[in-house]
Amino acid sequence: MSRSNKKSILLLIAFTLICVIITAIAITVTNNALSKQSEQEPEPPKETVNSKEPITVEPDGLGLKSLEERYAVQPLNIIYKEEYPEGSIDGEPPVQIQYMQIDGLKNIDVQNKINSELKTVALSQYEKGELKSKKLEYVHIYSNLYADFANVLSVEIIKYAYGAEADYQPYESHKWIGLNYDLSTGEQISFSDLFTNDANIKSIISQSAYMTFAEEFLGYYPYDSEDDDFNFWEWNGDMNDVDYSGMEDRVLKVMQGFDKNTSYPFCFDERNIYVNINGEEITINMRDFYNQIAIYNRYLTEENLFNTESPNDMYVFVQADNWGVPYRRVEKIGDNLFVDLGVLSSLGDDATAALDIESYKKEMEEQVALAKEYLDSHKDKAIVLAFKKYLGEYLSGQDFIVSEENFILTATMSKEYFDETFFPFVLDWEQNHGEVSLDDANLATFLYDRKKDDKNIKMVIDFPEGYY
């Protein structure tokens, strides 16, 4: 077994163990928190005078019906601009404000309204004279695009302010604002708009808070634990050995003050909702509550809102990609072909922007066409095709030469096995931890590790020589 193969298996085992531990902590904290809450807030009497019948909310039909539903990324042009309100000191601006502008909407009035707000809100995060009054060295304000699909836009504006002491540690860490728009009107989206009208938002927040804090706990506990007798890495999973009371307090703080009608700071991407409730930042994995998530469908219109047609590429409900992935296509084509195609580049932003991505797409589409051709004459078969093209560079003499490596795996099986077993397995991987990055294995290598001994599958593998 190769070193990279062993590494993938070890990472998989570690990931599985962490998932089990997170679930155990979340369940335990849930039970304890609910028990503590019930002690502090007694149940109301089951019968009361002038009691009313519970209000029944009819489903609006906007929730996702299946995890196989797809969405398209919008043909918007995203432009970043910068301003320096305090000028420059020794050649470096002490205050740097970056704001985002969009281009590509048919309705210029809506586009101008959104652009005006994106600029105004970003610039308003800095108060003139703040450097001196708060004894700051630098103030950096950034705008980040989170969501650009299904006629919606989500942008984060985040501020970092650095003091002149303590190694320039930010005195305000991660102070952020979310701006979320309906692109058909230019109006901002409320937090409740993300969900169906019959969604149990309080339950979603509760479960997500447990999982968010459990993951943070596992991330920090091995290093921050004050218990010298406790060895996290030799822990047997017994929750009685762990002091997680701080997590319980944080969960209670969130739930006791939560009101679904309150305007909390939030933004969202294709995968998660990020919301700050009573000072706690919570991540809601939309996959866990997909039938209560309306943001993919609520603002869809028959009219095309953009100057150009939306791309034909449709994406299943998967994680956003990491840096260095200029192209990714994840799609179920018809009822018996699933593809995961990706171009990965470590060449740097400028060199990556100059790549001929269309030529790489064409190369990948040739593989897709071969799969389709085979399936046209084998209706009882199905194929999972994974194709990752890695672009790097190596030094030859005095010059850097761009190198290309293809990682291709084709898994062929019966359509029945694909429908009942393999496709649910692949979709689960994609939607839980299927991001492509320069450091992590993609679907091809993951499938090889997990399914190479599966007698139901015939695999054809084309990896670079020496990779395995």
Protein backbone atom coordinates (compact mmCIF):
# COMPACT_ATOMS: atom_id res chain seq x y z
CA MET A 1 0.00 0.00 0.00
CA SER A 2 1.40 3.39 -0.96
CA ARG A 3 2.10 6.19 1.48
CA SER A 4 -0.67 8.40 0.04
CA ASN A 5 -3.13 5.50 0.24
CA LYS A 6 -2.28 4.88 3.89
CA LYS A 7 -2.62 8.59 4.61
CA SER A 8 -6.10 8.68 3.07
CA ILE A 9 -7.22 5.71 5.15
CA LEU A 10 -5.81 7.20 8.36
CA LEU A 11 -7.55 10.50 7.62
CA LEU A 12 -10.80 8.64 7.01
CA ILE A 13 -10.49 6.76 10.31
CA ALA A 14 -9.69 10.00 12.15
CA PHE A 15 -12.63 11.78 10.53
CA THR A 16 -15.00 8.92 11.42
CA LEU A 17 -13.80 8.91 15.05
CA ILE A 18 -14.25 12.68 15.35
CA CYS A 19 -17.78 12.44 13.90
CA VAL A 20 -18.70 9.78 16.48
CA ILE A 21 -17.26 11.87 19.31
CA ILE A 22 -19.01 15.04 18.13
CA THR A 23 -22.31 13.19 17.99
CA ALA A 24 -21.80 11.78 21.47
CA ILE A 25 -20.99 15.19 22.91
CA ALA A 26 -23.91 16.82 21.12
CA ILE A 27 -26.37 14.22 22.38
CA THR A 28 -25.07 14.46 25.93
CA VAL A 29 -25.04 18.25 25.95
CA THR A 30 -28.52 18.27 24.43
CA ASN A 31 -29.92 16.09 27.17
CA ASN A 32 -28.20 18.03 29.93
CA ALA A 33 -29.14 21.42 28.50
CA LEU A 34 -32.76 20.46 28.04
CA SER A 35 -32.84 19.04 31.57
CA LYS A 36 -31.33 22.25 32.98
CA GLN A 37 -33.73 24.38 30.95
CA SER A 38 -36.71 22.41 32.21
CA GLU A 39 -35.55 22.97 35.79
CA GLN A 40 -35.36 26.72 35.23
CA GLU A 41 -38.52 27.00 33.16
CA PRO A 42 -41.34 24.77 34.49
CA GLU A 43 -43.79 23.42 31.95
CA PRO A 44 -46.99 25.45 31.72
CA PRO A 45 -50.20 23.69 32.81
CA LYS A 46 -51.58 21.40 30.14
CA GLU A 47 -55.02 23.01 30.47
CA THR A 48 -55.52 26.72 30.85
CA VAL A 49 -58.51 28.99 30.87
CA ASN A 50 -59.09 30.68 27.50
CA SER A 51 -56.62 28.29 25.88
CA LYS A 52 -56.47 28.48 22.09
CA GLU A 53 -56.13 25.75 19.52
CA PRO A 54 -52.59 25.49 18.13
CA ILE A 55 -52.10 27.35 14.89
CA THR A 56 -51.48 25.04 11.94
CA VAL A 57 -49.10 26.40 9.32
CA GLU A 58 -49.57 25.02 5.83
CA PRO A 59 -46.35 24.01 4.02
CA ASP A 60 -45.39 26.47 1.28
CA GLY A 61 -43.76 23.82 -0.92
CA LEU A 62 -40.47 25.73 -1.09
CA GLY A 63 -38.33 23.23 0.79
CA LEU A 64 -35.96 20.94 -1.06
CA LYS A 65 -37.70 17.70 -1.95
CA SER A 66 -34.50 15.71 -2.31
CA LEU A 67 -30.78 16.05 -1.73
CA GLU A 68 -30.42 15.48 -5.48
CA GLU A 69 -31.98 18.84 -6.32
CA ARG A 70 -29.65 21.18 -8.20
CA TYR A 71 -28.95 24.89 -8.56
CA ALA A 72 -27.04 27.13 -10.97
CA VAL A 73 -24.40 29.76 -10.21
CA GLN A 74 -25.39 33.17 -11.60
CA PRO A 75 -23.55 35.04 -14.40
CA LEU A 76 -22.76 38.09 -12.27
CA ASN A 77 -19.50 39.96 -12.55
CA ILE A 78 -18.11 40.59 -9.05
CA ILE A 79 -15.86 43.65 -8.74
CA TYR A 80 -13.80 44.58 -5.67
CA LYS A 81 -12.79 48.17 -4.98
CA GLU A 82 -10.74 49.77 -2.21
CA GLU A 83 -10.60 53.12 -0.43
CA TYR A 84 -8.03 54.54 2.00
CA PRO A 85 -9.74 57.25 4.09
CA GLU A 86 -6.66 58.02 6.20
CA GLY A 87 -4.19 58.17 3.33
CA SER A 88 -0.81 56.51 3.72
CA ILE A 89 1.79 56.36 6.50
CA ASP A 90 5.32 55.35 5.44
CA GLY A 91 3.88 54.00 2.22
CA GLU A 92 1.26 51.80 3.89
CA PRO A 93 -2.40 52.80 4.38
CA PRO A 94 -3.41 52.39 8.06
CA VAL A 95 -7.08 52.08 7.05
CA GLN A 96 -8.03 49.87 4.15
CA ILE A 97 -11.70 49.41 3.20
CA GLN A 98 -12.65 46.94 0.51
CA TYR A 99 -16.18 46.89 -0.86
CA MET A 100 -17.93 44.79 -3.48
CA GLN A 101 -19.86 45.82 -6.58
CA ILE A 102 -21.91 43.65 -8.92
CA ASP A 103 -22.51 43.93 -12.65
CA GLY A 104 -24.78 41.91 -14.92
CA LEU A 105 -28.36 42.53 -13.75
CA LYS A 106 -30.88 43.61 -16.39
CA ASN A 107 -32.58 45.93 -13.92
CA ILE A 108 -30.07 48.76 -13.50
CA ASP A 109 -32.10 50.38 -10.70
CA VAL A 110 -31.92 47.19 -8.62
CA GLN A 111 -28.21 46.81 -9.39
CA ASN A 112 -27.48 50.42 -8.39
CA LYS A 113 -29.48 50.03 -5.15
CA ILE A 114 -27.52 46.94 -4.13
CA ASN A 115 -24.17 48.45 -5.10
CA SER A 116 -24.91 51.63 -3.16
CA GLU A 117 -25.67 49.63 -0.01
CA LEU A 118 -22.65 47.35 -0.41
CA LYS A 119 -20.40 50.41 -0.61
CA THR A 120 -22.12 52.52 2.05
CA VAL A 121 -22.23 49.76 4.67
CA ALA A 122 -18.58 48.82 4.13
CA LEU A 123 -17.41 52.45 4.41
CA SER A 124 -19.57 53.06 7.48
CA GLN A 125 -17.69 50.43 9.48
CA TYR A 126 -14.89 52.96 10.01
CA GLU A 127 -15.42 56.15 12.02
CA LYS A 128 -13.17 59.06 11.18
CA GLY A 129 -10.64 59.57 13.95
CA GLU A 130 -11.03 55.99 15.20
CA LEU A 131 -7.32 55.26 14.79
CA LYS A 132 -6.37 57.94 17.31
CA SER A 133 -9.29 57.65 19.73
CA LYS A 134 -8.93 53.86 20.09
CA LYS A 135 -5.11 53.85 19.79
CA LEU A 136 -5.14 51.62 16.73
CA GLU A 137 -2.37 50.79 14.33
CA TYR A 138 -4.45 49.39 11.48
CA VAL A 139 -8.08 48.91 10.49
CA HIS A 140 -8.88 46.43 7.73
CA ILE A 141 -12.41 46.00 6.37
CA TYR A 142 -13.10 43.30 3.81
CA SER A 143 -16.10 42.22 1.74
CA ASN A 144 -16.49 38.53 0.91
CA LEU A 145 -18.91 36.89 -1.51
CA TYR A 146 -20.73 33.98 0.10
CA ALA A 147 -23.75 33.12 -2.09
CA ASP A 148 -24.44 33.86 -5.75
CA PHE A 149 -27.19 31.45 -6.86
CA ALA A 150 -30.97 31.06 -7.24
CA ASN A 151 -31.53 34.83 -7.66
CA VAL A 152 -29.99 35.65 -4.28
CA LEU A 153 -26.77 37.25 -3.13
CA SER A 154 -25.06 36.96 0.26
CA VAL A 155 -22.10 39.14 1.23
CA GLU A 156 -20.09 39.31 4.45
CA ILE A 157 -18.46 42.57 5.53
CA ILE A 158 -15.88 41.92 8.22
CA LYS A 159 -13.75 44.34 10.24
CA TYR A 160 -10.39 43.75 11.91
CA ALA A 161 -8.91 46.50 14.09
CA TYR A 162 -5.33 46.09 15.34
CA GLY A 163 -3.91 47.85 18.37
CA ALA A 164 -0.38 49.19 18.67
CA GLU A 165 0.46 46.73 21.44
CA ALA A 166 0.22 42.98 22.11
CA ASP A 167 1.75 41.99 18.76
CA TYR A 168 -1.02 43.71 16.84
CA GLN A 169 -3.71 41.36 18.08
CA PRO A 170 -7.14 42.53 16.90
CA TYR A 171 -9.05 44.30 19.63
CA GLU A 172 -12.28 43.49 17.82
CA SER A 173 -11.97 40.00 16.41
CA HIS A 174 -14.36 38.92 13.70
CA LYS A 175 -16.83 41.76 13.86
CA TRP A 176 -19.00 41.18 10.82
CA ILE A 177 -22.21 42.14 9.04
CA GLY A 178 -24.21 40.06 6.56
CA LEU A 179 -25.95 41.67 3.58
CA ASN A 180 -28.38 39.32 1.82
CA TYR A 181 -30.41 40.28 -1.24
CA ASP A 182 -33.29 39.19 -3.44
CA LEU A 183 -31.86 40.09 -6.85
CA SER A 184 -35.29 40.55 -8.42
CA THR A 185 -36.16 43.49 -6.15
CA GLY A 186 -32.92 44.54 -4.44
CA GLU A 187 -34.60 44.13 -1.06
CA GLN A 188 -32.75 42.47 1.79
CA ILE A 189 -33.64 38.95 2.85
CA SER A 190 -34.59 38.28 6.46
CA PHE A 191 -33.27 35.34 8.47
CA SER A 192 -36.67 33.63 8.46
CA ASP A 193 -36.79 33.90 4.64
CA LEU A 194 -34.13 31.20 4.50
CA PHE A 195 -36.62 28.64 5.79
CA THR A 196 -40.03 27.32 4.80
CA ASN A 197 -42.94 28.91 6.62
CA ASP A 198 -43.60 25.67 8.53
CA ALA A 199 -39.94 25.15 9.54
CA ASN A 200 -39.14 24.62 13.21
CA ILE A 201 -36.47 27.31 13.28
CA LYS A 202 -35.93 27.10 17.04
CA SER A 203 -35.20 23.38 16.80
CA ILE A 204 -32.83 23.99 13.88
CA ILE A 205 -30.95 26.61 15.92
CA SER A 206 -30.83 24.32 18.95
CA GLN A 207 -29.40 21.33 17.09
CA SER A 208 -26.96 23.47 15.13
CA ALA A 209 -25.73 25.19 18.29
CA TYR A 210 -24.96 21.80 19.85
CA MET A 211 -23.04 20.64 16.80
CA THR A 212 -21.17 23.96 16.38
CA PHE A 213 -20.04 24.06 20.00
CA ALA A 214 -19.18 20.34 20.03
CA GLU A 215 -16.90 20.78 17.01
CA GLU A 216 -15.27 23.82 18.61
CA PHE A 217 -14.87 21.88 21.84
CA LEU A 218 -13.08 19.02 20.09
CA GLY A 219 -10.91 21.50 18.24
CA TYR A 220 -9.73 23.33 21.36
CA TYR A 221 -10.02 20.83 24.21
CA PRO A 222 -6.80 18.85 23.57
CA TYR A 223 -4.83 22.08 23.84
CA ASP A 224 -6.84 24.24 26.25
CA SER A 225 -7.76 21.67 28.87
CA GLU A 226 -6.68 22.71 32.36
CA ASP A 227 -6.97 19.11 33.57
CA ASP A 228 -3.39 17.80 33.52
CA ASP A 229 -4.63 14.29 34.30
CA PHE A 230 -6.85 14.14 31.21
CA ASN A 231 -5.31 12.86 27.97
CA PHE A 232 -7.67 13.66 25.09
CA TRP A 233 -5.82 11.43 22.64
CA GLU A 234 -6.26 8.38 24.89
CA TRP A 235 -9.85 9.24 25.79
CA ASN A 236 -12.26 6.27 25.59
CA GLY A 237 -15.31 8.41 24.79
CA ASP A 238 -16.75 8.41 28.32
CA MET A 239 -18.53 11.76 28.61
CA ASN A 240 -18.25 11.66 32.41
CA ASP A 241 -14.51 12.23 32.06
CA VAL A 242 -14.95 15.51 30.18
CA ASP A 243 -15.81 18.94 31.53
CA TYR A 244 -18.05 20.48 28.89
CA SER A 245 -20.16 22.62 31.23
CA GLY A 246 -19.09 25.69 29.31
CA MET A 247 -20.76 24.27 26.22
CA GLU A 248 -24.02 23.77 28.10
CA ASP A 249 -23.98 27.37 29.26
CA ARG A 250 -23.43 28.60 25.71
CA VAL A 251 -26.30 26.52 24.36
CA LEU A 252 -28.64 27.81 27.07
CA LYS A 253 -27.54 31.38 26.41
CA VAL A 254 -28.50 31.01 22.75
CA MET A 255 -31.82 29.25 23.28
CA GLN A 256 -33.12 31.39 26.14
CA GLY A 257 -32.66 34.56 24.13
CA PHE A 258 -33.62 33.30 20.66
CA ASP A 259 -36.57 34.92 18.89
CA LYS A 260 -37.21 33.99 15.27
CA ASN A 261 -38.52 37.50 14.58
CA THR A 262 -35.30 39.17 15.71
CA SER A 263 -32.87 40.41 13.05
CA TYR A 264 -29.64 38.55 13.72
CA PRO A 265 -26.48 39.06 11.64
CA PHE A 266 -26.27 36.22 9.12
CA CYS A 267 -24.92 35.19 5.74
CA PHE A 268 -24.99 31.92 3.84
CA ASP A 269 -23.29 29.98 1.08
CA GLU A 270 -24.29 26.93 -0.96
CA ARG A 271 -23.83 24.71 2.08
CA ASN A 272 -24.24 26.53 5.37
CA ILE A 273 -25.99 29.39 7.13
CA TYR A 274 -23.79 31.43 9.49
CA VAL A 275 -25.66 33.38 12.18
CA ASN A 276 -24.64 35.31 15.30
CA ILE A 277 -27.16 34.91 18.13
CA ASN A 278 -26.50 36.65 21.43
CA GLY A 279 -22.78 36.84 20.72
CA GLU A 280 -22.45 33.19 19.66
CA GLU A 281 -21.62 32.28 16.08
CA ILE A 282 -23.54 29.23 14.90
CA THR A 283 -23.19 27.23 11.69
CA ILE A 284 -26.34 25.61 10.31
CA ASN A 285 -25.60 22.77 7.91
CA MET A 286 -28.49 23.11 5.45
CA ARG A 287 -28.16 19.49 4.37
CA ASP A 288 -29.35 18.38 7.81
CA PHE A 289 -32.61 20.32 7.40
CA TYR A 290 -32.98 20.40 3.61
CA ASN A 291 -36.76 19.96 3.53
CA GLN A 292 -37.09 23.07 5.72
CA ILE A 293 -34.68 25.19 3.63
CA ALA A 294 -36.39 27.57 1.16
CA ILE A 295 -33.50 29.74 -0.04
CA TYR A 296 -32.90 27.59 -3.14
CA ASN A 297 -36.50 28.00 -4.36
CA ARG A 298 -38.09 31.08 -2.77
CA TYR A 299 -36.77 33.69 -5.20
CA LEU A 300 -36.69 31.73 -8.45
CA THR A 301 -38.53 33.41 -11.34
CA GLU A 302 -39.41 32.44 -14.88
CA GLU A 303 -37.77 35.66 -16.06
CA ASN A 304 -34.00 35.69 -16.49
CA LEU A 305 -32.72 38.53 -14.29
CA PHE A 306 -29.30 38.73 -15.95
CA ASN A 307 -27.82 40.22 -19.11
CA THR A 308 -26.54 36.82 -20.18
CA GLU A 309 -28.01 33.36 -19.82
CA SER A 310 -27.26 31.43 -16.66
CA PRO A 311 -24.63 28.70 -17.08
CA ASN A 312 -25.86 25.27 -18.05
CA ASP A 313 -23.80 23.67 -15.30
CA MET A 314 -26.08 22.64 -12.46
CA TYR A 315 -24.66 21.71 -9.09
CA VAL A 316 -25.94 19.26 -6.54
CA PHE A 317 -26.09 20.34 -2.93
CA VAL A 318 -22.35 20.10 -2.16
CA GLN A 319 -19.73 22.03 -0.27
CA ALA A 320 -18.12 25.10 -1.74
CA ASP A 321 -14.58 24.47 -3.01
CA ASN A 322 -11.39 25.65 -1.40
CA TRP A 323 -8.91 28.11 -2.86
CA GLY A 324 -7.21 27.04 -6.06
CA VAL A 325 -10.21 25.40 -7.77
CA PRO A 326 -11.02 27.50 -10.87
CA TYR A 327 -13.52 24.94 -12.19
CA ARG A 328 -15.73 22.31 -10.57
CA ARG A 329 -18.75 20.45 -11.87
CA VAL A 330 -20.67 17.96 -9.73
CA GLU A 331 -23.74 16.60 -11.43
CA LYS A 332 -26.01 13.60 -11.82
CA ILE A 333 -26.68 13.29 -15.55
CA GLY A 334 -29.85 11.40 -16.38
CA ASP A 335 -30.53 8.51 -14.04
CA ASN A 336 -27.34 6.50 -14.37
CA LEU A 337 -24.31 8.83 -14.62
CA PHE A 338 -22.68 10.85 -11.83
CA VAL A 339 -19.69 13.09 -12.55
CA ASP A 340 -17.30 15.07 -10.36
CA LEU A 341 -14.97 17.15 -12.55
CA GLY A 342 -12.42 19.58 -11.15
CA VAL A 343 -9.43 21.70 -12.18
CA LEU A 344 -6.99 22.42 -9.36
CA SER A 345 -4.23 25.00 -9.67
CA SER A 346 -1.28 25.87 -7.42
CA LEU A 347 0.05 28.43 -9.91
CA GLY A 348 -1.07 31.55 -8.07
CA ASP A 349 -3.96 33.90 -8.78
CA ASP A 350 -2.54 35.64 -11.87
CA ALA A 351 -1.37 32.46 -13.59
CA THR A 352 -4.60 30.66 -12.72
CA ALA A 353 -6.68 33.52 -14.14
CA ALA A 354 -4.77 33.19 -17.43
CA LEU A 355 -5.49 29.45 -17.79
CA ASP A 356 -7.47 28.19 -20.75
CA ILE A 357 -10.19 26.62 -18.60
CA GLU A 358 -12.37 25.93 -21.64
CA SER A 359 -9.75 23.55 -23.05
CA TYR A 360 -9.73 21.61 -19.78
CA LYS A 361 -13.53 21.49 -19.75
CA LYS A 362 -13.44 20.08 -23.29
CA GLU A 363 -10.97 17.40 -22.23
CA MET A 364 -13.21 16.39 -19.33
CA GLU A 365 -16.33 16.46 -21.48
CA GLU A 366 -14.69 13.93 -23.79
CA GLN A 367 -14.57 11.52 -20.86
CA VAL A 368 -18.20 12.30 -20.06
CA ALA A 369 -19.15 11.64 -23.71
CA LEU A 370 -17.43 8.23 -23.59
CA ALA A 371 -19.43 7.33 -20.49
CA LYS A 372 -22.67 8.46 -22.13
CA GLU A 373 -21.87 6.47 -25.27
CA TYR A 374 -21.34 3.32 -23.23
CA LEU A 375 -24.54 3.83 -21.24
CA ASP A 376 -26.60 4.42 -24.39
CA SER A 377 -26.04 0.79 -25.31
CA HIS A 378 -26.01 -0.54 -21.74
CA LYS A 379 -29.25 0.71 -20.18
CA ASP A 380 -28.87 -1.64 -17.23
CA LYS A 381 -25.53 -0.09 -16.21
CA ALA A 382 -24.47 3.06 -14.36
CA ILE A 383 -21.19 4.96 -14.10
CA VAL A 384 -19.54 7.23 -11.54
CA LEU A 385 -16.85 9.34 -13.25
CA ALA A 386 -14.30 11.34 -11.22
CA PHE A 387 -11.77 13.51 -13.07
CA LYS A 388 -9.34 15.84 -11.32
CA LYS A 389 -6.77 17.79 -13.32
CA TYR A 390 -3.93 19.13 -11.20
CA LEU A 391 -1.86 22.07 -12.52
CA GLY A 392 1.44 22.84 -10.86
CA GLU A 393 4.92 23.88 -11.88
CA TYR A 394 8.47 22.64 -11.60
CA LEU A 395 11.85 24.30 -12.05
CA SER A 396 13.78 23.33 -15.17
CA GLY A 397 17.07 25.16 -15.31
CA GLN A 398 16.15 28.82 -14.84
CA ASP A 399 12.51 28.44 -15.93
CA PHE A 400 9.34 27.28 -14.25
CA ILE A 401 7.43 24.79 -16.40
CA VAL A 402 3.70 24.23 -15.95
CA SER A 403 2.89 20.57 -15.33
CA GLU A 404 -0.43 18.79 -15.76
CA GLU A 405 -1.52 15.58 -14.06
CA ASN A 406 -4.83 13.79 -14.51
CA PHE A 407 -6.49 11.68 -11.83
CA ILE A 408 -9.33 9.75 -13.48
CA LEU A 409 -11.51 6.98 -12.09
CA THR A 410 -14.47 5.35 -13.82
CA ALA A 411 -16.62 3.04 -11.69
CA THR A 412 -19.11 0.94 -13.67
CA MET A 413 -21.85 -1.08 -12.00
CA SER A 414 -25.40 -2.27 -12.43
CA LYS A 415 -28.01 0.45 -12.40
CA GLU A 416 -29.82 -1.34 -9.58
CA TYR A 417 -26.68 -1.31 -7.41
CA PHE A 418 -26.04 2.33 -8.33
CA ASP A 419 -29.60 3.37 -7.33
CA GLU A 420 -29.82 1.40 -4.09
CA THR A 421 -26.27 1.47 -2.72
CA PHE A 422 -23.54 3.31 -4.54
CA PHE A 423 -25.10 6.63 -5.51
CA PRO A 424 -26.43 7.33 -1.97
CA PHE A 425 -22.93 6.54 -0.69
CA VAL A 426 -21.26 8.91 -3.19
CA LEU A 427 -23.80 11.68 -2.63
CA ASP A 428 -23.32 11.41 1.13
CA TRP A 429 -19.56 11.79 0.71
CA GLU A 430 -19.94 14.79 -1.60
CA GLN A 431 -22.39 16.57 0.69
CA ASN A 432 -20.61 15.90 3.97
CA HIS A 433 -16.94 16.31 3.15
CA GLY A 434 -16.59 16.38 -0.62
CA GLU A 435 -14.75 19.62 -1.21
CA VAL A 436 -11.86 19.49 -3.67
CA SER A 437 -8.67 21.16 -2.52
CA LEU A 438 -4.98 21.07 -3.30
CA ASP A 439 -4.27 19.14 -0.11
CA ASP A 440 -7.15 16.67 0.12
CA ALA A 441 -8.05 13.63 -1.94
CA ASN A 442 -10.85 14.09 -4.42
CA LEU A 443 -13.70 11.71 -5.19
CA ALA A 444 -11.50 9.49 -7.37
CA THR A 445 -8.95 8.70 -4.67
CA PHE A 446 -11.62 8.46 -1.98
CA LEU A 447 -13.64 5.93 -4.00
CA TYR A 448 -10.50 3.94 -4.70
CA ASP A 449 -9.75 3.68 -0.99
CA ARG A 450 -13.31 2.75 -0.02
CA LYS A 451 -14.53 0.62 -2.90
CA LYS A 452 -11.55 -1.01 -4.58
CA ASP A 453 -12.54 -4.42 -3.17
CA ASP A 454 -16.24 -4.07 -4.01
CA LYS A 455 -17.09 -6.97 -6.33
CA ASN A 456 -20.16 -5.10 -7.62
CA ILE A 457 -17.99 -2.49 -9.31
CA LYS A 458 -15.57 -2.55 -12.19
CA MET A 459 -13.07 0.27 -11.83
CA VAL A 460 -10.90 1.76 -14.54
CA ILE A 461 -8.18 3.94 -13.02
CA ASP A 462 -5.90 6.42 -14.79
CA PHE A 463 -3.64 8.03 -12.22
CA PRO A 464 -0.15 9.49 -12.85
CA GLU A 465 2.60 6.91 -12.83
CA GLY A 466 3.87 6.29 -9.32
CA TYR A 467 0.83 7.82 -7.62
CA TYR A 468 -0.15 4.42 -6.21
